[in-house]
């Protein structure tokens, strides 16, 4: 079984061309790619206890790593994207999601408010509320909560669902029971 390398090993000095290529790669990188490289580096550190698996030295934060190390993790991000068949930058098109959420909101309002615009507390049951809540959670996760119009729409539908839950949880008034 191989033993860990000793601390008396000669330090590695990469060729100047390699260092320059790393600097160029980092200068041309998108903020998104660098953020993903940082996350991958942190995931590696999570597995190794925050230490180098080769030397056992404590890993520095990604931001203060040498450019060659950062460029290596950036290359990993790019290779993973190529293997997964994804584009250079990941973008979420929320147009379809906006339309679907608007349609969903209209459906919920029609069910909750009825055709005359008044609330009918017996038209929507707990299973429908749970289903709608799951749909909202999924939509929020897909959008990431960054899109203000979508977030406002989700908030509006969530308020309608909360009102419905309160109506279901509130016992009928005594005056209605005796009338």
Protein backbone atom coordinates (compact mmCIF):
# COMPACT_ATOMS: atom_id res chain seq x y z
CA UNK A 1 0.00 0.00 0.00
CA UNK A 2 1.50 3.38 -0.98
CA UNK A 3 2.41 5.75 1.79
CA UNK A 4 1.65 9.46 1.84
CA UNK A 5 4.31 11.68 0.34
CA UNK A 6 6.74 13.16 2.79
CA UNK A 7 7.11 16.87 3.38
CA UNK A 8 10.73 16.74 2.09
CA UNK A 9 9.63 16.28 -1.54
CA UNK A 10 10.85 18.85 -4.04
CA UNK A 11 8.13 21.44 -4.70
CA UNK A 12 6.68 21.45 -8.20
CA UNK A 13 7.30 24.51 -10.32
CA UNK A 14 5.01 24.58 -13.36
CA UNK A 15 6.38 25.93 -16.65
CA UNK A 16 5.81 29.62 -17.34
CA UNK A 17 3.64 28.83 -20.39
CA UNK A 18 1.29 26.77 -18.22
CA UNK A 19 0.98 29.59 -15.68
CA UNK A 20 0.27 32.11 -18.43
CA UNK A 21 -2.37 29.83 -19.98
CA UNK A 22 -4.03 29.50 -16.55
CA UNK A 23 -4.09 33.29 -16.12
CA UNK A 24 -5.63 33.70 -19.60
CA UNK A 25 -8.26 31.03 -18.90
CA UNK A 26 -9.26 32.74 -15.65
CA UNK A 27 -9.39 36.18 -17.28
CA UNK A 28 -11.80 34.85 -19.93
CA UNK A 29 -13.98 32.88 -17.52
CA UNK A 30 -17.55 33.90 -16.77
CA UNK A 31 -18.54 34.65 -13.17
CA UNK A 32 -20.97 31.69 -13.37
CA UNK A 33 -18.18 29.28 -14.38
CA UNK A 34 -15.95 30.54 -11.59
CA UNK A 35 -18.77 30.17 -9.06
CA UNK A 36 -19.35 26.57 -10.16
CA UNK A 37 -15.59 25.87 -10.02
CA UNK A 38 -15.62 27.20 -6.45
CA UNK A 39 -18.51 24.88 -5.54
CA UNK A 40 -16.77 21.87 -7.06
CA UNK A 41 -13.59 22.72 -5.16
CA UNK A 42 -15.61 22.97 -1.93
CA UNK A 43 -17.22 19.60 -2.68
CA UNK A 44 -13.76 18.07 -3.07
CA UNK A 45 -12.73 19.60 0.26
CA UNK A 46 -15.86 18.21 1.87
CA UNK A 47 -14.82 14.68 0.94
CA UNK A 48 -11.19 15.12 2.02
CA UNK A 49 -11.91 16.86 5.30
CA UNK A 50 -10.68 20.20 3.96
CA UNK A 51 -7.23 18.78 3.22
CA UNK A 52 -5.24 17.89 0.14
CA UNK A 53 -5.64 14.20 -0.62
CA UNK A 54 -2.01 14.18 -1.84
CA UNK A 55 -0.11 16.16 0.81
CA UNK A 56 -2.56 16.36 3.67
CA UNK A 57 -2.12 20.13 3.80
CA UNK A 58 -5.15 22.22 4.71
CA UNK A 59 -6.93 23.51 1.62
CA UNK A 60 -7.20 27.30 1.28
CA UNK A 61 -10.41 29.01 0.21
CA UNK A 62 -10.90 28.87 -3.55
CA UNK A 63 -10.55 32.66 -3.87
CA UNK A 64 -6.96 32.56 -2.62
CA UNK A 65 -5.84 29.45 -4.49
CA UNK A 66 -3.07 29.79 -7.02
CA UNK A 67 -4.26 30.57 -10.56
CA UNK A 68 -3.18 27.13 -11.82
CA UNK A 69 -5.40 25.42 -9.21
CA UNK A 70 -8.36 27.65 -10.07
CA UNK A 71 -7.81 27.04 -13.79
CA UNK A 72 -7.79 23.28 -13.14
CA UNK A 73 -11.19 23.45 -11.45
CA UNK A 74 -12.47 25.75 -14.20
CA UNK A 75 -11.34 23.18 -16.79
CA UNK A 76 -13.30 20.57 -14.81
CA UNK A 77 -16.45 22.70 -15.06
CA UNK A 78 -16.01 23.07 -18.81
CA UNK A 79 -15.33 19.37 -19.33
CA UNK A 80 -18.37 18.41 -17.26
CA UNK A 81 -20.52 20.72 -19.37
CA UNK A 82 -19.17 19.18 -22.56
CA UNK A 83 -19.85 15.68 -21.26
CA UNK A 84 -23.39 16.63 -20.29
CA UNK A 85 -24.02 18.34 -23.63
CA UNK A 86 -24.87 21.67 -22.05
CA UNK A 87 -24.12 25.14 -23.42
CA UNK A 88 -21.33 27.31 -22.08
CA UNK A 89 -23.74 29.20 -19.87
CA UNK A 90 -26.87 27.86 -18.25
CA UNK A 91 -29.89 30.09 -18.64
CA UNK A 92 -33.46 29.39 -17.58
CA UNK A 93 -36.10 30.63 -20.00
CA UNK A 94 -38.98 31.62 -17.74
CA UNK A 95 -41.35 32.67 -20.54
CA UNK A 96 -43.21 29.34 -20.57
CA UNK A 97 -43.12 29.20 -16.77
CA UNK A 98 -44.59 32.73 -16.52
CA UNK A 99 -47.46 31.73 -18.81
CA UNK A 100 -48.13 28.48 -16.93
CA UNK A 101 -48.11 30.28 -13.56
CA UNK A 102 -50.50 32.95 -14.84
CA UNK A 103 -52.88 30.23 -16.08
CA UNK A 104 -52.55 28.41 -12.77
CA UNK A 105 -53.31 31.58 -10.81
CA UNK A 106 -56.42 32.21 -12.91
CA UNK A 107 -57.62 28.63 -12.31
CA UNK A 108 -57.04 28.91 -8.56
CA UNK A 109 -58.84 32.26 -8.37
CA UNK A 110 -61.80 30.87 -10.32
CA UNK A 111 -62.04 27.83 -8.03
CA UNK A 112 -61.61 29.84 -4.83
CA UNK A 113 -63.71 32.87 -5.78
CA UNK A 114 -66.33 31.19 -7.95
CA UNK A 115 -67.89 32.71 -11.08
CA UNK A 116 -69.47 35.61 -9.16
CA UNK A 117 -66.20 36.52 -7.44
CA UNK A 118 -67.25 35.37 -3.96
CA UNK A 119 -65.42 32.75 -1.96
CA UNK A 120 -66.95 29.28 -1.81
CA UNK A 121 -64.98 27.45 0.91
CA UNK A 122 -66.13 23.99 -0.18
CA UNK A 123 -64.96 23.98 -3.80
CA UNK A 124 -61.28 23.34 -3.07
CA UNK A 125 -60.20 20.57 -0.72
CA UNK A 126 -56.95 19.84 1.08
CA UNK A 127 -55.68 17.54 -1.71
CA UNK A 128 -56.04 20.32 -4.29
CA UNK A 129 -54.32 22.77 -1.95
CA UNK A 130 -51.47 20.31 -1.39
CA UNK A 131 -51.12 19.76 -5.14
CA UNK A 132 -51.07 23.50 -5.79
CA UNK A 133 -48.48 24.00 -3.05
CA UNK A 134 -46.25 21.34 -4.62
CA UNK A 135 -46.60 23.06 -8.00
CA UNK A 136 -45.62 26.38 -6.45
CA UNK A 137 -42.62 24.89 -4.70
CA UNK A 138 -41.47 23.28 -7.94
CA UNK A 139 -41.92 26.52 -9.85
CA UNK A 140 -40.02 28.46 -7.20
CA UNK A 141 -37.16 25.96 -7.35
CA UNK A 142 -37.03 26.14 -11.17
CA UNK A 143 -36.89 29.92 -11.22
CA UNK A 144 -34.61 30.21 -8.23
CA UNK A 145 -36.66 33.03 -6.73
CA UNK A 146 -34.66 35.61 -8.69
CA UNK A 147 -37.34 36.68 -11.16
CA UNK A 148 -39.46 39.38 -9.47
CA UNK A 149 -42.65 39.03 -11.58
CA UNK A 150 -42.69 35.26 -11.10
CA UNK A 151 -41.93 35.65 -7.40
CA UNK A 152 -44.82 38.14 -7.07
CA UNK A 153 -47.16 35.75 -8.86
CA UNK A 154 -46.11 32.87 -6.63
CA UNK A 155 -46.62 35.05 -3.56
CA UNK A 156 -50.11 36.02 -4.74
CA UNK A 157 -51.14 32.40 -5.35
CA UNK A 158 -49.62 31.36 -2.03
CA UNK A 159 -51.72 34.00 -0.23
CA UNK A 160 -54.86 32.66 -1.92
CA UNK A 161 -53.97 29.14 -0.81
CA UNK A 162 -53.30 30.31 2.75
CA UNK A 163 -56.70 32.01 2.86
CA UNK A 164 -58.31 28.78 1.68
CA UNK A 165 -56.55 26.74 4.37
CA UNK A 166 -57.71 29.23 7.01
CA UNK A 167 -61.29 28.99 5.71
CA UNK A 168 -61.17 25.20 5.93
CA UNK A 169 -59.69 25.32 9.45
CA UNK A 170 -62.22 27.84 10.78
CA UNK A 171 -65.35 26.24 12.27
CA UNK A 172 -68.69 27.64 11.02
CA UNK A 173 -70.00 30.60 13.03
CA UNK A 174 -72.63 29.75 15.67
CA UNK A 175 -75.07 32.21 14.11
CA UNK A 176 -75.04 30.18 10.87
CA UNK A 177 -75.54 26.92 12.78
CA UNK A 178 -78.65 28.18 14.60
CA UNK A 179 -80.26 29.94 11.62
